[in-house]
PDB file of all heavy atoms in Angstrom:
ATOM      1  N   PRO A   1      83.004 111.815  81.036  1.00  0.00           N
ATOM      2  CA  PRO A   1      84.029 110.784  81.244  1.00  0.00           C
ATOM      3  C   PRO A   1      83.448 109.393  81.053  1.00  0.00           C
ATOM      4  O   PRO A   1      82.253 109.169  81.293  1.00  0.00           O
ATOM      5  CB  PRO A   1      84.469 111.006  82.696  1.00  0.00           C
ATOM      6  CG  PRO A   1      83.301 111.664  83.352  1.00  0.00           C
ATOM      7  CD  PRO A   1      82.658 112.511  82.289  1.00  0.00           C
ATOM      8  N   PRO A   2      84.267 108.438  80.609  1.00  0.00           N
ATOM      9  CA  PRO A   2      83.768 107.064  80.467  1.00  0.00           C
ATOM     10  C   PRO A   2      83.536 106.419  81.825  1.00  0.00           C
ATOM     11  O   PRO A   2      84.024 106.903  82.854  1.00  0.00           O
ATOM     12  CB  PRO A   2      84.906 106.368  79.704  1.00  0.00           C
ATOM     13  CG  PRO A   2      86.125 107.152  80.068  1.00  0.00           C
ATOM     14  CD  PRO A   2      85.671 108.575  80.225  1.00  0.00           C
ATOM     15  N   ALA A   3      82.784 105.334  81.804  1.00  0.00           N
ATOM     16  CA  ALA A   3      82.505 104.615  83.044  1.00  0.00           C
ATOM     17  C   ALA A   3      83.750 103.823  83.462  1.00  0.00           C
ATOM     18  O   ALA A   3      84.172 102.910  82.763  1.00  0.00           O
ATOM     19  CB  ALA A   3      81.318 103.685  82.857  1.00  0.00           C
ATOM     20  N   ILE A   4      84.347 104.203  84.579  1.00  0.00           N
ATOM     21  CA  ILE A   4      85.543 103.541  85.097  1.00  0.00           C
ATOM     22  C   ILE A   4      85.307 103.202  86.565  1.00  0.00           C
ATOM     23  O   ILE A   4      84.806 104.035  87.332  1.00  0.00           O
ATOM     24  CB  ILE A   4      86.787 104.446  84.971  1.00  0.00           C
ATOM     25  CG1 ILE A   4      86.996 104.893  83.541  1.00  0.00           C
ATOM     26  CG2 ILE A   4      88.033 103.718  85.472  1.00  0.00           C
ATOM     27  CD1 ILE A   4      88.163 105.840  83.373  1.00  0.00           C
ATOM     28  N   SER A   5      85.653 101.988  86.941  1.00  0.00           N
ATOM     29  CA  SER A   5      85.462 101.573  88.323  1.00  0.00           C
ATOM     30  C   SER A   5      86.452 102.287  89.230  1.00  0.00           C
ATOM     31  O   SER A   5      87.525 102.730  88.796  1.00  0.00           O
ATOM     32  CB  SER A   5      85.635 100.058  88.453  1.00  0.00           C
ATOM     33  OG  SER A   5      86.985  99.683  88.199  1.00  0.00           O
ATOM     34  N   TRP A   6      86.098 102.369  90.510  1.00  0.00           N
ATOM     35  CA  TRP A   6      86.990 102.996  91.488  1.00  0.00           C
ATOM     36  C   TRP A   6      88.283 102.201  91.631  1.00  0.00           C
ATOM     37  O   TRP A   6      89.350 102.777  91.868  1.00  0.00           O
ATOM     38  CB  TRP A   6      86.288 103.110  92.833  1.00  0.00           C
ATOM     39  CG  TRP A   6      85.258 104.196  92.873  1.00  0.00           C
ATOM     40  CD1 TRP A   6      83.901 104.052  92.844  1.00  0.00           C
ATOM     41  CD2 TRP A   6      85.498 105.605  92.915  1.00  0.00           C
ATOM     42  NE1 TRP A   6      83.276 105.276  92.872  1.00  0.00           N
ATOM     43  CE2 TRP A   6      84.244 106.260  92.920  1.00  0.00           C
ATOM     44  CE3 TRP A   6      86.653 106.378  92.956  1.00  0.00           C
ATOM     45  CZ2 TRP A   6      84.107 107.634  92.967  1.00  0.00           C
ATOM     46  CZ3 TRP A   6      86.520 107.771  93.009  1.00  0.00           C
ATOM     47  CH2 TRP A   6      85.265 108.375  93.011  1.00  0.00           C
ATOM     48  N   VAL A   7      88.192 100.896  91.461  1.00  0.00           N
ATOM     49  CA  VAL A   7      89.385 100.053  91.570  1.00  0.00           C
ATOM     50  C   VAL A   7      90.370 100.390  90.447  1.00  0.00           C
ATOM     51  O   VAL A   7      91.584 100.511  90.670  1.00  0.00           O
ATOM     52  CB  VAL A   7      89.001  98.568  91.528  1.00  0.00           C
ATOM     53  CG1 VAL A   7      90.255  97.683  91.499  1.00  0.00           C
ATOM     54  CG2 VAL A   7      88.127  98.211  92.718  1.00  0.00           C
ATOM     55  N   SER A   8      89.843 100.547  89.246  1.00  0.00           N
ATOM     56  CA  SER A   8      90.706 100.889  88.115  1.00  0.00           C
ATOM     57  C   SER A   8      91.324 102.273  88.289  1.00  0.00           C
ATOM     58  O   SER A   8      92.521 102.473  88.023  1.00  0.00           O
ATOM     59  CB  SER A   8      89.907 100.838  86.815  1.00  0.00           C
ATOM     60  OG  SER A   8      90.719 101.204  85.705  1.00  0.00           O
ATOM     61  N   LEU A   9      90.523 103.226  88.751  1.00  0.00           N
ATOM     62  CA  LEU A   9      91.050 104.569  88.986  1.00  0.00           C
ATOM     63  C   LEU A   9      92.141 104.551  90.058  1.00  0.00           C
ATOM     64  O   LEU A   9      93.182 105.196  89.915  1.00  0.00           O
ATOM     65  CB  LEU A   9      89.919 105.507  89.417  1.00  0.00           C
ATOM     66  CG  LEU A   9      89.093 106.173  88.314  1.00  0.00           C
ATOM     67  CD1 LEU A   9      88.001 107.034  88.928  1.00  0.00           C
ATOM     68  CD2 LEU A   9      89.969 106.994  87.388  1.00  0.00           C
ATOM     69  N   ALA A  10      91.905 103.790  91.131  1.00  0.00           N
ATOM     70  CA  ALA A  10      92.897 103.713  92.198  1.00  0.00           C
ATOM     71  C   ALA A  10      94.177 103.056  91.717  1.00  0.00           C
ATOM     72  O   ALA A  10      95.281 103.483  92.074  1.00  0.00           O
ATOM     73  CB  ALA A  10      92.328 102.942  93.387  1.00  0.00           C
ATOM     74  N   ALA A  11      94.061 102.035  90.870  1.00  0.00           N
ATOM     75  CA  ALA A  11      95.240 101.346  90.361  1.00  0.00           C
ATOM     76  C   ALA A  11      96.077 102.277  89.483  1.00  0.00           C
ATOM     77  O   ALA A  11      97.308 102.328  89.604  1.00  0.00           O
ATOM     78  CB  ALA A  11      94.819 100.101  89.576  1.00  0.00           C
ATOM     79  N   HIS A  12      95.411 103.024  88.601  1.00  0.00           N
ATOM     80  CA  HIS A  12      96.152 103.961  87.756  1.00  0.00           C
ATOM     81  C   HIS A  12      96.686 105.138  88.566  1.00  0.00           C
ATOM     82  O   HIS A  12      97.740 105.687  88.251  1.00  0.00           O
ATOM     83  CB  HIS A  12      95.254 104.458  86.617  1.00  0.00           C
ATOM     84  CG  HIS A  12      95.019 103.429  85.550  1.00  0.00           C
ATOM     85  ND1 HIS A  12      93.960 102.551  85.598  1.00  0.00           N
ATOM     86  CD2 HIS A  12      95.717 103.130  84.420  1.00  0.00           C
ATOM     87  CE1 HIS A  12      93.996 101.765  84.538  1.00  0.00           C
ATOM     88  NE2 HIS A  12      95.048 102.090  83.818  1.00  0.00           N
ATOM     89  N   GLY A  13      95.943 105.537  89.589  1.00  0.00           N
ATOM     90  CA  GLY A  13      96.448 106.580  90.471  1.00  0.00           C
ATOM     91  C   GLY A  13      97.684 106.130  91.221  1.00  0.00           C
ATOM     92  O   GLY A  13      98.627 106.907  91.412  1.00  0.00           O
ATOM     93  N   LEU A  14      97.704 104.868  91.631  1.00  0.00           N
ATOM     94  CA  LEU A  14      98.871 104.334  92.333  1.00  0.00           C
ATOM     95  C   LEU A  14     100.076 104.260  91.408  1.00  0.00           C
ATOM     96  O   LEU A  14     101.219 104.486  91.830  1.00  0.00           O
ATOM     97  CB  LEU A  14      98.545 102.955  92.901  1.00  0.00           C
ATOM     98  CG  LEU A  14      99.614 102.323  93.786  1.00  0.00           C
ATOM     99  CD1 LEU A  14      99.868 103.189  95.013  1.00  0.00           C
ATOM    100  CD2 LEU A  14      99.191 100.913  94.210  1.00  0.00           C
ATOM    101  N   TRP A  15      99.841 103.943  90.132  1.00  0.00           N
ATOM    102  CA  TRP A  15     100.920 103.951  89.141  1.00  0.00           C
ATOM    103  C   TRP A  15     101.568 105.332  89.094  1.00  0.00           C
ATOM    104  O   TRP A  15     102.802 105.464  89.097  1.00  0.00           O
ATOM    105  CB  TRP A  15     100.345 103.562  87.777  1.00  0.00           C
ATOM    106  CG  TRP A  15     101.296 103.617  86.624  1.00  0.00           C
ATOM    107  CD1 TRP A  15     101.898 104.734  86.093  1.00  0.00           C
ATOM    108  CD2 TRP A  15     101.776 102.521  85.846  1.00  0.00           C
ATOM    109  NE1 TRP A  15     102.703 104.408  85.032  1.00  0.00           N
ATOM    110  CE2 TRP A  15     102.648 103.057  84.864  1.00  0.00           C
ATOM    111  CE3 TRP A  15     101.547 101.151  85.866  1.00  0.00           C
ATOM    112  CZ2 TRP A  15     103.281 102.250  83.916  1.00  0.00           C
ATOM    113  CZ3 TRP A  15     102.179 100.356  84.913  1.00  0.00           C
ATOM    114  CH2 TRP A  15     103.037 100.895  83.966  1.00  0.00           C
ATOM    115  N   TYR A  16     100.747 106.358  89.027  1.00  0.00           N
ATOM    116  CA  TYR A  16     101.239 107.728  89.033  1.00  0.00           C
ATOM    117  C   TYR A  16     102.020 108.017  90.309  1.00  0.00           C
ATOM    118  O   TYR A  16     103.109 108.605  90.283  1.00  0.00           O
ATOM    119  CB  TYR A  16     100.042 108.670  88.903  1.00  0.00           C
ATOM    120  CG  TYR A  16     100.313 110.132  89.181  1.00  0.00           C
ATOM    121  CD1 TYR A  16     100.626 111.009  88.144  1.00  0.00           C
ATOM    122  CD2 TYR A  16     100.230 110.644  90.474  1.00  0.00           C
ATOM    123  CE1 TYR A  16     100.856 112.351  88.396  1.00  0.00           C
ATOM    124  CE2 TYR A  16     100.466 111.982  90.735  1.00  0.00           C
ATOM    125  CZ  TYR A  16     100.768 112.829  89.689  1.00  0.00           C
ATOM    126  OH  TYR A  16     101.007 114.155  89.952  1.00  0.00           O
ATOM    127  N   SER A  17     101.468 107.598  91.447  1.00  0.00           N
ATOM    128  CA  SER A  17     102.092 107.858  92.739  1.00  0.00           C
ATOM    129  C   SER A  17     103.463 107.207  92.840  1.00  0.00           C
ATOM    130  O   SER A  17     104.445 107.850  93.231  1.00  0.00           O
ATOM    131  CB  SER A  17     101.186 107.341  93.866  1.00  0.00           C
ATOM    132  OG  SER A  17     101.835 107.428  95.117  1.00  0.00           O
ATOM    133  N   VAL A  18     103.552 105.933  92.487  1.00  0.00           N
ATOM    134  CA  VAL A  18     104.821 105.213  92.606  1.00  0.00           C
ATOM    135  C   VAL A  18     105.889 105.834  91.711  1.00  0.00           C
ATOM    136  O   VAL A  18     107.049 105.999  92.117  1.00  0.00           O
ATOM    137  CB  VAL A  18     104.611 103.723  92.272  1.00  0.00           C
ATOM    138  CG1 VAL A  18     105.950 102.998  92.152  1.00  0.00           C
ATOM    139  CG2 VAL A  18     103.755 103.056  93.337  1.00  0.00           C
ATOM    140  N   THR A  19     105.499 106.205  90.499  1.00  0.00           N
ATOM    141  CA  THR A  19     106.476 106.799  89.578  1.00  0.00           C
ATOM    142  C   THR A  19     106.991 108.128  90.106  1.00  0.00           C
ATOM    143  O   THR A  19     108.203 108.381  90.137  1.00  0.00           O
ATOM    144  CB  THR A  19     105.841 106.997  88.190  1.00  0.00           C
ATOM    145  OG1 THR A  19     105.310 105.758  87.722  1.00  0.00           O
ATOM    146  CG2 THR A  19     106.880 107.502  87.198  1.00  0.00           C
ATOM    147  N   LEU A  20     106.074 108.983  90.531  1.00  0.00           N
ATOM    148  CA  LEU A  20     106.476 110.303  91.019  1.00  0.00           C
ATOM    149  C   LEU A  20     107.327 110.201  92.276  1.00  0.00           C
ATOM    150  O   LEU A  20     108.381 110.840  92.388  1.00  0.00           O
ATOM    151  CB  LEU A  20     105.230 111.146  91.300  1.00  0.00           C
ATOM    152  CG  LEU A  20     105.458 112.558  91.847  1.00  0.00           C
ATOM    153  CD1 LEU A  20     106.315 113.381  90.891  1.00  0.00           C
ATOM    154  CD2 LEU A  20     104.136 113.264  92.114  1.00  0.00           C
ATOM    155  N   LEU A  21     106.907 109.370  93.219  1.00  0.00           N
ATOM    156  CA  LEU A  21     107.653 109.260  94.469  1.00  0.00           C
ATOM    157  C   LEU A  21     108.979 108.535  94.275  1.00  0.00           C
ATOM    158  O   LEU A  21     109.933 108.768  95.025  1.00  0.00           O
ATOM    159  CB  LEU A  21     106.805 108.549  95.531  1.00  0.00           C
ATOM    160  CG  LEU A  21     105.529 109.279  95.941  1.00  0.00           C
ATOM    161  CD1 LEU A  21     104.849 108.571  97.101  1.00  0.00           C
ATOM    162  CD2 LEU A  21     105.806 110.737  96.300  1.00  0.00           C
ATOM    163  N   ALA A  22     109.066 107.670  93.277  1.00  0.00           N
ATOM    164  CA  ALA A  22     110.343 107.025  92.988  1.00  0.00           C
ATOM    165  C   ALA A  22     111.367 108.046  92.505  1.00  0.00           C
ATOM    166  O   ALA A  22     112.539 108.017  92.911  1.00  0.00           O
ATOM    167  CB  ALA A  22     110.152 105.923  91.943  1.00  0.00           C
ATOM    168  N   ILE A  23     110.928 108.971  91.646  1.00  0.00           N
ATOM    169  CA  ILE A  23     111.842 110.005  91.149  1.00  0.00           C
ATOM    170  C   ILE A  23     112.263 110.934  92.284  1.00  0.00           C
ATOM    171  O   ILE A  23     113.456 111.202  92.486  1.00  0.00           O
ATOM    172  CB  ILE A  23     111.184 110.798  90.012  1.00  0.00           C
ATOM    173  CG1 ILE A  23     110.862 109.880  88.828  1.00  0.00           C
ATOM    174  CG2 ILE A  23     112.102 111.931  89.551  1.00  0.00           C
ATOM    175  CD1 ILE A  23     110.052 110.551  87.735  1.00  0.00           C
ATOM    176  N   LEU A  24     111.277 111.412  93.043  1.00  0.00           N
ATOM    177  CA  LEU A  24     111.593 112.314  94.152  1.00  0.00           C
ATOM    178  C   LEU A  24     112.420 111.612  95.224  1.00  0.00           C
ATOM    179  O   LEU A  24     113.385 112.174  95.757  1.00  0.00           O
ATOM    180  CB  LEU A  24     110.298 112.852  94.769  1.00  0.00           C
ATOM    181  CG  LEU A  24     109.418 113.737  93.882  1.00  0.00           C
ATOM    182  CD1 LEU A  24     108.150 114.128  94.629  1.00  0.00           C
ATOM    183  CD2 LEU A  24     110.164 114.970  93.420  1.00  0.00           C
ATOM    184  N   GLY A  25     112.020 110.379  95.546  1.00  0.00           N
ATOM    185  CA  GLY A  25     112.727 109.650  96.592  1.00  0.00           C
ATOM    186  C   GLY A  25     114.163 109.328  96.219  1.00  0.00           C
ATOM    187  O   GLY A  25     115.070 109.482  97.056  1.00  0.00           O
ATOM    188  N   CYS A  26     114.394 108.897  94.998  1.00  0.00           N
ATOM    189  CA  CYS A  26     115.771 108.602  94.574  1.00  0.00           C
ATOM    190  C   CYS A  26     116.621 109.867  94.571  1.00  0.00           C
ATOM    191  O   CYS A  26     117.812 109.818  94.898  1.00  0.00           O
ATOM    192  CB  CYS A  26     115.763 107.945  93.199  1.00  0.00           C
ATOM    193  SG  CYS A  26     115.207 106.227  93.235  1.00  0.00           S
ATOM    194  N   HIS A  27     116.034 110.977  94.199  1.00  0.00           N
ATOM    195  CA  HIS A  27     116.766 112.248  94.238  1.00  0.00           C
ATOM    196  C   HIS A  27     117.234 112.545  95.665  1.00  0.00           C
ATOM    197  O   HIS A  27     118.421 112.825  95.895  1.00  0.00           O
ATOM    198  CB  HIS A  27     115.869 113.371  93.731  1.00  0.00           C
ATOM    199  CG  HIS A  27     116.528 114.712  93.725  1.00  0.00           C
ATOM    200  ND1 HIS A  27     116.905 115.349  92.560  1.00  0.00           N
ATOM    201  CD2 HIS A  27     116.875 115.543  94.739  1.00  0.00           C
ATOM    202  CE1 HIS A  27     117.471 116.511  92.872  1.00  0.00           C
ATOM    203  NE2 HIS A  27     117.449 116.652  94.190  1.00  0.00           N
ATOM    204  N   GLU A  28     116.320 112.463  96.609  1.00  0.00           N
ATOM    205  CA  GLU A  28     116.688 112.776  97.989  1.00  0.00           C
ATOM    206  C   GLU A  28     117.619 111.726  98.590  1.00  0.00           C
ATOM    207  O   GLU A  28     118.520 112.057  99.367  1.00  0.00           O
ATOM    208  CB  GLU A  28     115.428 112.912  98.847  1.00  0.00           C
ATOM    209  CG  GLU A  28     114.505 114.037  98.439  1.00  0.00           C
ATOM    210  CD  GLU A  28     115.207 115.387  98.403  1.00  0.00           C
ATOM    211  OE1 GLU A  28     116.159 115.592  99.185  1.00  0.00           O
ATOM    212  OE2 GLU A  28     114.803 116.229  97.586  1.00  0.00           O
ATOM    213  N   LEU A  29     117.430 110.471  98.225  1.00  0.00           N
ATOM    214  CA  LEU A  29     118.333 109.433  98.721  1.00  0.00           C
ATOM    215  C   LEU A  29     119.738 109.603  98.152  1.00  0.00           C
ATOM    216  O   LEU A  29     120.718 109.219  98.797  1.00  0.00           O
ATOM    217  CB  LEU A  29     117.784 108.046  98.377  1.00  0.00           C
ATOM    218  CG  LEU A  29     116.583 107.591  99.205  1.00  0.00           C
ATOM    219  CD1 LEU A  29     116.046 106.267  98.681  1.00  0.00           C
ATOM    220  CD2 LEU A  29     116.967 107.461 100.683  1.00  0.00           C
ATOM    221  N   GLY A  30     119.834 110.158  96.948  1.00  0.00           N
ATOM    222  CA  GLY A  30     121.158 110.463  96.415  1.00  0.00           C
ATOM    223  C   GLY A  30     121.891 111.449  97.305  1.00  0.00           C
ATOM    224  O   GLY A  30     123.074 111.264  97.631  1.00  0.00           O
ATOM    225  N   HIS A  31     121.194 112.509  97.725  1.00  0.00           N
ATOM    226  CA  HIS A  31     121.788 113.452  98.673  1.00  0.00           C
ATOM    227  C   HIS A  31     122.113 112.766 100.000  1.00  0.00           C
ATOM    228  O   HIS A  31     123.184 112.980 100.577  1.00  0.00           O
ATOM    229  CB  HIS A  31     120.811 114.607  98.942  1.00  0.00           C
ATOM    230  CG  HIS A  31     120.567 115.497  97.775  1.00  0.00           C
ATOM    231  ND1 HIS A  31     121.579 116.028  97.006  1.00  0.00           N
ATOM    232  CD2 HIS A  31     119.399 115.980  97.242  1.00  0.00           C
ATOM    233  CE1 HIS A  31     121.053 116.792  96.061  1.00  0.00           C
ATOM    234  NE2 HIS A  31     119.736 116.775  96.184  1.00  0.00           N
ATOM    235  N   TYR A  32     121.176 111.950 100.477  1.00  0.00           N
ATOM    236  CA  TYR A  32     121.325 111.322 101.800  1.00  0.00           C
ATOM    237  C   TYR A  32     122.543 110.399 101.840  1.00  0.00           C
ATOM    238  O   TYR A  32     123.360 110.477 102.767  1.00  0.00           O
ATOM    239  CB  TYR A  32     120.054 110.548 102.132  1.00  0.00           C
ATOM    240  CG  TYR A  32     120.157 109.699 103.381  1.00  0.00           C
ATOM    241  CD1 TYR A  32     120.153 110.283 104.644  1.00  0.00           C
ATOM    242  CD2 TYR A  32     120.259 108.307 103.286  1.00  0.00           C
ATOM    243  CE1 TYR A  32     120.249 109.507 105.795  1.00  0.00           C
ATOM    244  CE2 TYR A  32     120.356 107.526 104.427  1.00  0.00           C
ATOM    245  CZ  TYR A  32     120.346 108.123 105.674  1.00  0.00           C
ATOM    246  OH  TYR A  32     120.449 107.348 106.802  1.00  0.00           O
ATOM    247  N   TYR A  33     122.683 109.528 100.851  1.00  0.00           N
ATOM    248  CA  TYR A  33     123.798 108.574 100.876  1.00  0.00           C
ATOM    249  C   TYR A  33     125.134 109.265 100.590  1.00  0.00           C
ATOM    250  O   TYR A  33     126.180 108.796 101.046  1.00  0.00           O
ATOM    251  CB  TYR A  33     123.540 107.439  99.901  1.00  0.00           C
ATOM    252  CG  TYR A  33     122.559 106.432 100.444  1.00  0.00           C
ATOM    253  CD1 TYR A  33     121.294 106.289  99.887  1.00  0.00           C
ATOM    254  CD2 TYR A  33     122.883 105.642 101.540  1.00  0.00           C
ATOM    255  CE1 TYR A  33     120.385 105.379 100.401  1.00  0.00           C
ATOM    256  CE2 TYR A  33     121.981 104.728 102.062  1.00  0.00           C
ATOM    257  CZ  TYR A  33     120.738 104.595 101.486  1.00  0.00           C
ATOM    258  OH  TYR A  33     119.838 103.701 102.009  1.00  0.00           O
ATOM    259  N   ALA A  34     125.083 110.366  99.858  1.00  0.00           N
ATOM    260  CA  ALA A  34     126.320 111.138  99.690  1.00  0.00           C
ATOM    261  C   ALA A  34     126.737 111.748 101.025  1.00  0.00           C
ATOM    262  O   ALA A  34     127.934 111.794 101.350  1.00  0.00           O
ATOM    263  CB  ALA A  34     126.128 112.228  98.636  1.00  0.00           C
ATOM    264  N   CYS A  35     125.762 112.210 101.799  1.00  0.00           N
ATOM    265  CA  CYS A  35     126.077 112.708 103.152  1.00  0.00           C
ATOM    266  C   CYS A  35     126.653 111.593 104.015  1.00  0.00           C
ATOM    267  O   CYS A  35     127.619 111.805 104.766  1.00  0.00           O
ATOM    268  CB  CYS A  35     124.820 113.284 103.803  1.00  0.00           C
ATOM    269  SG  CYS A  35     124.256 114.855 103.130  1.00  0.00           S
ATOM    270  N   ARG A  36     126.068 110.415 103.923  1.00  0.00           N
ATOM    271  CA  ARG A  36     126.590 109.288 104.698  1.00  0.00           C
ATOM    272  C   ARG A  36     128.030 108.958 104.278  1.00  0.00           C
ATOM    273  O   ARG A  36     128.866 108.612 105.127  1.00  0.00           O
ATOM    274  CB  ARG A  36     125.688 108.069 104.484  1.00  0.00           C
ATOM    275  CG  ARG A  36     124.299 108.182 105.066  1.00  0.00           C
ATOM    276  CD  ARG A  36     124.322 108.079 106.585  1.00  0.00           C
ATOM    277  NE  ARG A  36     124.851 106.791 107.006  1.00  0.00           N
ATOM    278  CZ  ARG A  36     124.115 105.689 107.188  1.00  0.00           C
ATOM    279  NH1 ARG A  36     122.800 105.747 106.990  1.00  0.00           N
ATOM    280  NH2 ARG A  36     124.666 104.561 107.587  1.00  0.00           N
ATOM    281  N   TYR A  37     128.307 109.063 102.993  1.00  0.00           N
ATOM    282  CA  TYR A  37     129.655 108.759 102.500  1.00  0.00           C
ATOM    283  C   TYR A  37     130.686 109.699 103.115  1.00  0.00           C
ATOM    284  O   TYR A  37     131.800 109.292 103.445  1.00  0.00           O
ATOM    285  CB  TYR A  37     129.670 108.875 100.972  1.00  0.00           C
ATOM    286  CG  TYR A  37     131.029 108.642 100.353  1.00  0.00           C
ATOM    287  CD1 TYR A  37     131.507 107.352 100.143  1.00  0.00           C
ATOM    288  CD2 TYR A  37     131.832 109.718  99.980  1.00  0.00           C
ATOM    289  CE1 TYR A  37     132.759 107.137  99.575  1.00  0.00           C
ATOM    290  CE2 TYR A  37     133.080 109.516  99.418  1.00  0.00           C
ATOM    291  CZ  TYR A  37     133.537 108.219  99.217  1.00  0.00           C
ATOM    292  OH  TYR A  37     134.775 108.015  98.664  1.00  0.00           O
ATOM    293  N   TYR A  38     130.300 110.972 103.262  1.00  0.00           N
ATOM    294  CA  TYR A  38     131.214 111.957 103.847  1.00  0.00           C
ATOM    295  C   TYR A  38     131.031 112.096 105.360  1.00  0.00           C
ATOM    296  O   TYR A  38     131.553 113.042 105.953  1.00  0.00           O
ATOM    297  CB  TYR A  38     131.025 113.307 103.163  1.00  0.00           C
ATOM    298  CG  TYR A  38     131.640 113.362 101.783  1.00  0.00           C
ATOM    299  CD1 TYR A  38     130.860 113.233 100.639  1.00  0.00           C
ATOM    300  CD2 TYR A  38     133.016 113.531 101.623  1.00  0.00           C
ATOM    301  CE1 TYR A  38     131.416 113.273  99.368  1.00  0.00           C
ATOM    302  CE2 TYR A  38     133.585 113.574 100.363  1.00  0.00           C
ATOM    303  CZ  TYR A  38     132.790 113.437  99.241  1.00  0.00           C
ATOM    304  OH  TYR A  38     133.362 113.479  97.984  1.00  0.00           O
ATOM    305  N   ASP A  39     130.295 111.174 105.961  1.00  0.00           N
ATOM    306  CA  ASP A  39     130.101 111.149 107.415  1.00  0.00           C
ATOM    307  C   ASP A  39     129.486 112.453 107.913  1.00  0.00           C
ATOM    308  O   ASP A  39     129.913 113.027 108.918  1.00  0.00           O
ATOM    309  CB  ASP A  39     131.431 110.881 108.127  1.00  0.00           C
ATOM    310  CG  ASP A  39     131.219 110.412 109.570  1.00  0.00           C
ATOM    311  OD1 ASP A  39     130.128 109.872 109.848  1.00  0.00           O
ATOM    312  OD2 ASP A  39     132.125 110.610 110.397  1.00  0.00           O
TER     313      ASP A  39
END
């Protein structure tokens, strides 16, 4: 592997994390707010 700093790895890892959790989170929030709509 090429020489990469821990800061750079963490930054790219966070990019992955935010993208994945945004997709999963929006999916679940869609269910949640639909439940709220129907009380």
